[in-house]
Each structure stands twice: as C-alpha cells, then as structure tokens.
C-alpha cells in the first residue's frame, strides 16, 4: 500500500528522518511505538492512583469515645454533682445537668476559688444599659427632644438670629435650653409650618412679604394679635393642628409649665438680597380663634410678650425689630 500511495511514502520518510534526528540528539533512548507509549503512560497513571487509594485505606482512624446512653444501660446517674469522671455515662450526665438552669445553691458545692465560680449579675444595670443603647440608636429629633420655652424667650425675645434658616432656630433653641455643650444636630421637618417638641412646646414659622405666597400673614390690633395659616395638607383632624389648639388653649388659660408653650418665629423677605432675613423671636403666643374647615386652615394668635417686644431695643435704632416687622407687614 505504501509503495502505491505517494503520501504514505512521504510520511514514512519524515518519520524515519525525525527518528534519526532524535536519536542523534540523545532524546530517544528507546524506540517505542505510538501504541506502546500510550499503554505505558496509562499503566503508570493507574499505578499512581492505586497507590494513593491504598495509602488512604491504610491510614489509621483516630481514637474517639463512642457515646453511650446511661439511661438505656440502666445506670443510675447523680445529676447534682460532677465527679470529674470522663466516662461515657458521666459525660451524658454532665450534658443533661448542663441543660438545666444553674441556681445559686448548685454553685455552692463547687470550687469557689475561681473568679467565675460565683458571679453576681446586676439585672437593673443590664436593663438600664439596654435602654441606653436603644435610645442612642434613635436619631435625635425635636419630637423626641425637650426644650425650654421660658429659657428660649429670655435669651432671644425681640432679637434676630445670626444665621438664616430654620436650622439656626433649632440650634439657638437647644443652646438656650441646655447648659451642656455639643448637643449635636437635631432633625425636624423643615417643610412644615410648625415644629413640635417632645414636651408641650411648639414653634410656629411665619414669612412676611414672601413673593408669590398664597396667603398673607397680618398683624392685628397694632401687633397684639397675628394671623397664622397651616400648610396645604393640614386640617382640623391633623395631629399638629389639634396639638396646636390644645397647647394654645392651655397657654391662654395660664396652665402651662414654664418650659412649655408656643413660640412665634418671624422672618422678612428682603428684595435686595433676594432672600429672607434671619428669624426673629416674637415670644410666646396663645390660641385666640381659628376658622374650622378652611383650607388652608386659619388661626388668630395672641402675642403674650407684646409689651416686652415694644420696649425691646435693637442697637441704636429708634424702632425695635418688632415694630419694624409690623411696619413692613
């Protein structure tokens, strides 16, 4: 067949040539046919795998203690004390005894030289620590923080804050309410027209001369009373409105504590700065009347610190800030 097929003759010649070349380089010590080489490699792999399996089977098993049931064996076990026996029955008894709650009388028979032998747990301290951790996990806000309305009014009545925005009011209120420094930030709803605190304290925000405003806040009776409007979503059944009426009536009747009350914060739009001035504290207000069912709901509030506001001075100005605000409104 090879004599008749030129390709096979050429292939055989190349194989012979390559073989001679390998033998001359010393890379082919022993001539093996292709089939013999494959069979030899397979036999070597099988021998290696068998050797590894034999080694695994010959590895000794670790010595372990087999569990035995003392109850099934009919052995009476004393569960009250541990003798130090490491037998299977004793180990079973120890596990059973460990599953039950340990009482103080059970510890008395053991070695009390160890510091862990008798440990008294102060449950009250643990409970207090848990409550402290839970309260610290809650983000502080005005609704879970108390403020002192009396202290805030004494500090800021008739005065303008140094910074603009509602956050400056919250910071100033906390600064006046507590002598502890570094109170930290307190969250609140900056889009609402009122701000509720944990105690019976409420802040009311009022904008004067706000451009494109749907409502206009006005001073009545020379500044002794003022109108206030709730937000678009507020109505008679809203919690904030009901709380405002409740606290406002208590303020009118004089039944509030010194730390409670409603504070009115006012700011004026300044066209020259294209924004609002910082808030001014106009002191405490009480409920006078409101129009139920209106949207937005309308209130008339009475300024309880009117006389002090009229007499307050603002630097070298002839007119107090309160009088300036009334004039611009």
Protein backbone atom coordinates (compact mmCIF):
# COMPACT_ATOMS: atom_id res chain seq x y z
CA UNK A 1 0.00 0.00 0.00
CA UNK A 2 2.81 2.41 0.85
CA UNK A 3 4.51 1.69 -2.46
CA UNK A 4 1.38 2.68 -4.32
CA UNK A 5 0.48 5.79 -2.19
CA UNK A 6 2.93 8.72 -2.55
CA UNK A 7 1.62 10.41 0.63
CA UNK A 8 2.27 7.40 2.80
CA UNK A 9 5.75 7.07 1.38
CA UNK A 10 6.49 10.71 2.18
CA UNK A 11 5.04 10.33 5.69
CA UNK A 12 7.15 7.26 6.42
CA UNK A 13 10.26 9.06 5.17
CA UNK A 14 9.60 12.02 7.51
CA UNK A 15 9.04 9.72 10.48
CA UNK A 16 12.29 7.93 9.81
CA UNK A 17 14.15 11.20 9.38
CA UNK A 18 12.76 12.65 12.63
CA UNK A 19 13.56 9.44 14.49
CA UNK A 20 17.17 9.52 13.35
CA UNK A 21 17.39 13.16 14.33
CA UNK A 22 16.08 12.48 17.85
CA UNK A 23 18.42 9.52 18.31
CA UNK A 24 21.40 11.61 17.21
CA UNK A 25 20.48 14.25 19.81
CA UNK A 26 20.14 11.67 22.52
CA UNK A 27 16.46 12.41 23.07
CA UNK A 28 15.22 8.99 22.14
CA UNK A 29 16.99 6.34 24.20
CA UNK A 30 14.47 3.66 23.48
CA UNK A 31 12.30 3.29 20.45
CA UNK A 32 8.63 2.79 21.27
CA UNK A 33 5.70 2.61 19.01
CA UNK A 34 2.85 5.03 19.46
CA UNK A 35 0.56 2.35 20.89
CA UNK A 36 3.18 1.09 23.30
CA UNK A 37 3.86 4.64 24.59
CA UNK A 38 0.19 5.29 25.27
CA UNK A 39 -0.26 1.97 27.07
CA UNK A 40 2.83 2.60 29.20
CA UNK A 41 1.61 6.08 30.27
CA UNK A 42 -1.86 4.75 31.15
CA UNK A 43 -0.35 1.96 33.24
CA UNK A 44 1.83 4.43 35.15
CA UNK A 45 -1.17 6.68 35.94
CA UNK A 46 -3.24 3.76 37.13
CA UNK A 47 -0.42 2.57 39.39
CA UNK A 48 -0.07 6.03 40.97
CA UNK A 49 -3.83 6.32 41.61
CA UNK A 50 -3.95 2.85 43.16
CA UNK A 51 -1.04 3.70 45.41
CA UNK A 52 -2.83 6.83 46.70
CA UNK A 53 -6.01 4.86 47.40
CA UNK A 54 -4.07 2.23 49.31
CA UNK A 55 -2.41 4.91 51.43
CA UNK A 56 -5.81 6.35 52.33
CA UNK A 57 -7.18 2.98 53.31
CA UNK A 58 -4.11 2.22 55.38
CA UNK A 59 -4.26 5.49 57.40
CA UNK A 60 -5.25 4.72 60.99
CA UNK A 61 -8.57 6.02 62.32
CA UNK A 62 -8.44 8.49 65.24
CA UNK A 63 -9.36 7.16 68.61
CA UNK A 64 -12.75 8.53 69.68
CA UNK A 65 -15.06 7.82 72.56
CA UNK A 66 -18.33 6.28 71.46
CA UNK A 67 -21.39 7.84 73.08
CA UNK A 68 -23.41 5.55 75.31
CA UNK A 69 -26.81 6.19 76.90
CA UNK A 70 -26.67 5.75 80.66
CA UNK A 71 -30.46 5.72 80.79
CA UNK A 72 -30.73 2.76 78.37
CA UNK A 73 -27.95 0.94 80.17
CA UNK A 74 -29.95 1.19 83.41
CA UNK A 75 -27.22 3.11 85.24
CA UNK A 76 -28.36 5.49 87.99
CA UNK A 77 -26.74 8.89 87.50
CA UNK A 78 -26.39 11.65 90.11
CA UNK A 79 -27.12 14.84 88.18
CA UNK A 80 -26.39 17.17 91.09
CA UNK A 81 -22.63 16.87 91.24
CA UNK A 82 -19.83 16.32 88.73
CA UNK A 83 -17.13 13.95 89.97
CA UNK A 84 -14.67 14.63 87.18
CA UNK A 85 -15.22 11.19 85.59
CA UNK A 86 -14.80 11.29 81.84
CA UNK A 87 -16.61 8.02 81.14
CA UNK A 88 -19.48 7.88 78.71
CA UNK A 89 -22.13 7.66 81.43
CA UNK A 90 -20.63 10.58 83.34
CA UNK A 91 -20.38 12.67 80.16
CA UNK A 92 -24.05 12.02 79.41
CA UNK A 93 -24.99 13.07 82.94
CA UNK A 94 -22.92 16.23 82.64
CA UNK A 95 -24.67 17.19 79.42
CA UNK A 96 -28.07 16.63 80.99
CA UNK A 97 -27.19 18.68 84.05
CA UNK A 98 -25.77 21.49 81.93
CA UNK A 99 -29.05 21.81 80.07
CA UNK A 100 -30.87 22.86 83.26
CA UNK A 101 -30.64 26.41 84.66
CA UNK A 102 -27.92 26.82 87.28
CA UNK A 103 -29.11 28.14 90.62
CA UNK A 104 -27.04 29.75 93.36
CA UNK A 105 -27.42 26.65 95.60
CA UNK A 106 -25.94 24.46 92.88
CA UNK A 107 -22.78 26.55 92.71
CA UNK A 108 -22.13 26.41 96.46
CA UNK A 109 -20.79 22.86 96.35
CA UNK A 110 -18.13 23.61 93.74
CA UNK A 111 -14.73 25.25 93.89
CA UNK A 112 -15.24 28.90 94.73
CA UNK A 113 -11.64 29.91 94.28
CA UNK A 114 -12.26 30.62 90.62
CA UNK A 115 -13.37 34.18 89.84
CA UNK A 116 -16.07 32.83 87.54
CA UNK A 117 -17.45 30.42 90.14
CA UNK A 118 -19.74 32.98 91.76
CA UNK A 119 -20.68 35.99 89.60
CA UNK A 120 -23.46 38.31 90.70
CA UNK A 121 -25.40 39.86 87.81
CA UNK A 122 -26.93 43.27 88.35
CA UNK A 123 -30.12 42.94 86.33
CA UNK A 124 -31.09 46.57 86.89
CA UNK A 125 -27.78 47.74 85.44
CA UNK A 126 -28.22 45.45 82.44
CA UNK A 127 -31.71 46.76 81.80
CA UNK A 128 -30.52 50.35 82.07
CA UNK A 129 -27.69 49.63 79.63
CA UNK A 130 -30.11 48.09 77.14
CA UNK A 131 -32.42 51.09 77.34
CA UNK A 132 -29.47 53.43 76.90
CA UNK A 133 -28.28 51.54 73.81
CA UNK A 134 -31.78 51.55 72.34
CA UNK A 135 -32.24 55.27 72.91
CA UNK A 136 -28.82 56.08 71.43
CA UNK A 137 -29.77 54.20 68.27
CA UNK A 138 -32.71 56.57 67.70
CA UNK A 139 -31.80 59.62 65.66
CA UNK A 140 -32.44 62.72 67.80
CA UNK A 141 -35.29 64.90 66.55
CA UNK A 142 -37.47 67.61 68.00
CA UNK A 143 -40.23 65.06 68.60
CA UNK A 144 -38.05 63.03 70.99
CA UNK A 145 -36.24 66.05 72.50
CA UNK A 146 -37.46 68.55 75.07
CA UNK A 147 -36.76 72.27 75.02
CA UNK A 148 -37.33 75.09 77.49
CA UNK A 149 -39.66 77.73 76.09
CA UNK A 150 -39.03 80.04 79.04
CA UNK A 151 -35.25 79.92 78.62
CA UNK A 152 -35.51 80.45 74.86
CA UNK A 153 -37.74 83.52 75.24
CA UNK A 154 -35.47 85.03 77.88
CA UNK A 155 -32.48 84.60 75.57
CA UNK A 156 -33.94 85.57 72.19
CA UNK A 157 -37.09 87.67 72.67
CA UNK A 158 -37.13 90.51 70.14
CA UNK A 159 -33.72 89.53 68.77
CA UNK A 160 -32.60 88.39 65.34
CA UNK A 161 -30.53 85.23 64.96
CA UNK A 162 -27.08 85.39 63.46
CA UNK A 163 -27.79 82.86 60.70
CA UNK A 164 -30.70 82.35 58.32
CA UNK A 165 -32.89 79.28 58.07
CA UNK A 166 -34.92 77.12 60.44
CA UNK A 167 -31.92 75.02 61.42
CA UNK A 168 -30.41 78.12 63.04
CA UNK A 169 -33.57 78.44 65.16
CA UNK A 170 -33.33 74.83 66.33
CA UNK A 171 -29.65 75.27 67.23
CA UNK A 172 -30.38 78.51 69.10
CA UNK A 173 -33.25 76.86 70.96
CA UNK A 174 -31.10 73.95 72.10
CA UNK A 175 -28.31 76.30 73.09
CA UNK A 176 -30.69 78.26 75.31
CA UNK A 177 -32.42 75.17 76.70
CA UNK A 178 -29.35 73.34 77.96
CA UNK A 179 -26.04 74.27 79.53
CA UNK A 180 -24.36 71.19 78.06
CA UNK A 181 -22.23 71.99 75.04
CA UNK A 182 -22.06 69.98 71.85
CA UNK A 183 -25.71 68.96 71.65
CA UNK A 184 -25.31 67.94 68.03
CA UNK A 185 -27.73 68.20 65.14
CA UNK A 186 -31.42 67.55 65.71
CA UNK A 187 -33.66 66.63 62.81
CA UNK A 188 -37.00 68.32 62.14
CA UNK A 189 -39.45 68.82 59.29
CA UNK A 190 -38.25 71.98 57.60
CA UNK A 191 -41.20 71.97 55.17
CA UNK A 192 -43.87 72.19 57.88
CA UNK A 193 -45.26 75.46 59.21
CA UNK A 194 -44.98 74.21 62.78
CA UNK A 195 -42.39 72.27 64.75
CA UNK A 196 -43.45 70.02 67.62
CA UNK A 197 -41.21 69.01 70.54
CA UNK A 198 -41.45 66.11 72.97
CA UNK A 199 -42.87 68.35 75.70
CA UNK A 200 -45.77 70.76 75.16
CA UNK A 201 -43.60 73.11 73.10
CA UNK A 202 -44.37 74.22 69.54
CA UNK A 203 -42.53 76.54 67.15
CA UNK A 204 -44.52 78.44 64.51
CA UNK A 205 -42.76 79.73 61.40
CA UNK A 206 -44.05 82.90 59.68
CA UNK A 207 -42.86 84.55 56.47
CA UNK A 208 -43.55 88.24 55.94
CA UNK A 209 -43.82 89.66 52.39
CA UNK A 210 -42.95 86.32 50.81
CA UNK A 211 -43.16 86.62 46.99
CA UNK A 212 -45.84 84.54 45.24
CA UNK A 213 -47.32 83.49 48.58
CA UNK A 214 -50.84 82.01 48.57
CA UNK A 215 -51.68 83.64 51.92
CA UNK A 216 -50.59 86.78 53.73
CA UNK A 217 -49.83 86.86 57.43
CA UNK A 218 -51.07 90.05 59.04
CA UNK A 219 -50.66 91.75 62.42
CA UNK A 220 -53.89 92.85 64.08
CA UNK A 221 -54.57 95.37 66.86
CA UNK A 222 -51.20 97.08 66.42
CA UNK A 223 -49.31 93.80 66.72
CA UNK A 224 -51.11 92.30 69.71
CA UNK A 225 -52.53 89.54 67.53
CA UNK A 226 -51.45 87.86 64.32
CA UNK A 227 -52.86 85.52 61.69
CA UNK A 228 -51.22 82.17 61.02
CA UNK A 229 -52.05 79.66 58.28
CA UNK A 230 -51.42 75.95 58.29
CA UNK A 231 -49.91 74.04 55.39
CA UNK A 232 -51.88 72.78 52.41
CA UNK A 233 -52.17 69.30 53.93
CA UNK A 234 -53.23 70.47 57.39
CA UNK A 235 -56.86 70.36 58.52
CA UNK A 236 -58.87 70.16 61.74
CA UNK A 237 -58.07 66.46 62.19
CA UNK A 238 -54.30 66.78 61.69
CA UNK A 239 -52.33 65.88 64.82
CA UNK A 240 -50.24 69.03 64.64
CA UNK A 241 -53.34 71.26 64.39
CA UNK A 242 -55.08 69.51 67.27
CA UNK A 243 -51.93 69.80 69.37
CA UNK A 244 -51.64 73.48 68.49
CA UNK A 245 -55.22 74.11 69.66
CA UNK A 246 -54.71 72.12 72.86
CA UNK A 247 -51.43 73.79 73.87
CA UNK A 248 -52.68 77.20 72.69
CA UNK A 249 -55.75 77.00 74.92
CA UNK A 250 -53.64 75.95 77.89
CA UNK A 251 -51.38 78.94 77.24
CA UNK A 252 -54.44 81.20 77.14
CA UNK A 253 -55.67 79.79 80.45
CA UNK A 254 -52.23 80.06 82.05
CA UNK A 255 -51.99 76.34 82.87
CA UNK A 256 -48.70 75.57 81.09
CA UNK A 257 -45.38 74.89 82.75
CA UNK A 258 -42.55 77.39 82.32
CA UNK A 259 -40.79 75.09 79.85
CA UNK A 260 -43.90 74.67 77.65
CA UNK A 261 -45.65 76.96 75.22
CA UNK A 262 -45.82 78.18 71.62
CA UNK A 263 -43.07 80.43 70.23
CA UNK A 264 -43.56 82.59 67.14
CA UNK A 265 -40.56 82.93 64.81
CA UNK A 266 -40.82 85.52 62.02
CA UNK A 267 -38.60 86.37 59.08
CA UNK A 268 -38.99 89.07 56.42
CA UNK A 269 -38.28 88.77 52.72
CA UNK A 270 -35.58 91.21 51.65
CA UNK A 271 -35.72 92.01 47.89
CA UNK A 272 -32.22 93.49 47.94
CA UNK A 273 -30.71 90.16 49.00
CA UNK A 274 -33.31 88.09 47.11
CA UNK A 275 -33.95 86.06 50.21
CA UNK A 276 -35.18 86.11 53.77
CA UNK A 277 -33.59 87.72 56.78
CA UNK A 278 -32.72 85.59 59.82
CA UNK A 279 -35.62 84.66 62.07
CA UNK A 280 -36.69 86.96 64.91
CA UNK A 281 -38.21 85.58 68.08
CA UNK A 282 -41.56 87.26 68.81
CA UNK A 283 -42.04 85.32 72.01
CA UNK A 284 -44.94 83.23 73.22
CA UNK A 285 -48.41 83.16 71.71
CA UNK A 286 -51.71 81.63 72.76
CA UNK A 287 -54.80 80.48 70.94
CA UNK A 288 -57.41 83.15 70.20
CA UNK A 289 -59.60 81.65 67.48
CA UNK A 290 -59.49 79.69 64.24
CA UNK A 291 -61.72 79.01 61.22
CA UNK A 292 -62.62 75.28 61.15
CA UNK A 293 -62.92 73.63 57.77
CA UNK A 294 -60.89 76.23 55.89
CA UNK A 295 -58.06 75.30 53.51
CA UNK A 296 -55.50 76.41 54.40
CA UNK A 297 -56.72 76.42 57.97
CA UNK A 298 -56.51 79.92 59.52
CA UNK A 299 -55.67 80.85 63.10
CA UNK A 300 -55.60 84.11 65.04
CA UNK A 301 -52.96 84.07 67.78
CA UNK A 302 -52.38 86.48 70.64
CA UNK A 303 -48.83 87.64 71.40
CA UNK A 304 -48.27 87.16 75.13
CA UNK A 305 -44.99 89.11 75.21
CA UNK A 306 -46.28 92.14 73.33
CA UNK A 307 -45.30 94.71 75.98
CA UNK A 308 -41.73 93.38 76.27
CA UNK A 309 -41.41 93.37 72.46
CA UNK A 310 -42.48 97.01 72.24
CA UNK A 311 -39.94 98.03 74.85
CA UNK A 312 -37.06 95.96 73.44
CA UNK A 313 -34.28 97.91 71.71
CA UNK A 314 -32.32 96.93 68.61
CA UNK A 315 -28.90 98.55 68.83
CA UNK A 316 -29.02 102.30 68.18
CA UNK A 317 -32.24 102.15 66.21
CA UNK A 318 -35.18 104.22 67.36
CA UNK A 319 -37.58 101.44 66.46
CA UNK A 320 -37.41 97.90 67.79
CA UNK A 321 -37.20 94.94 65.43
CA UNK A 322 -40.74 94.06 66.38
CA UNK A 323 -42.01 97.49 65.33
CA UNK A 324 -40.03 97.29 62.07
CA UNK A 325 -41.61 93.95 61.26
CA UNK A 326 -45.10 95.28 62.00
CA UNK A 327 -44.44 98.26 59.72
CA UNK A 328 -43.23 96.08 56.84
CA UNK A 329 -46.02 93.52 57.14
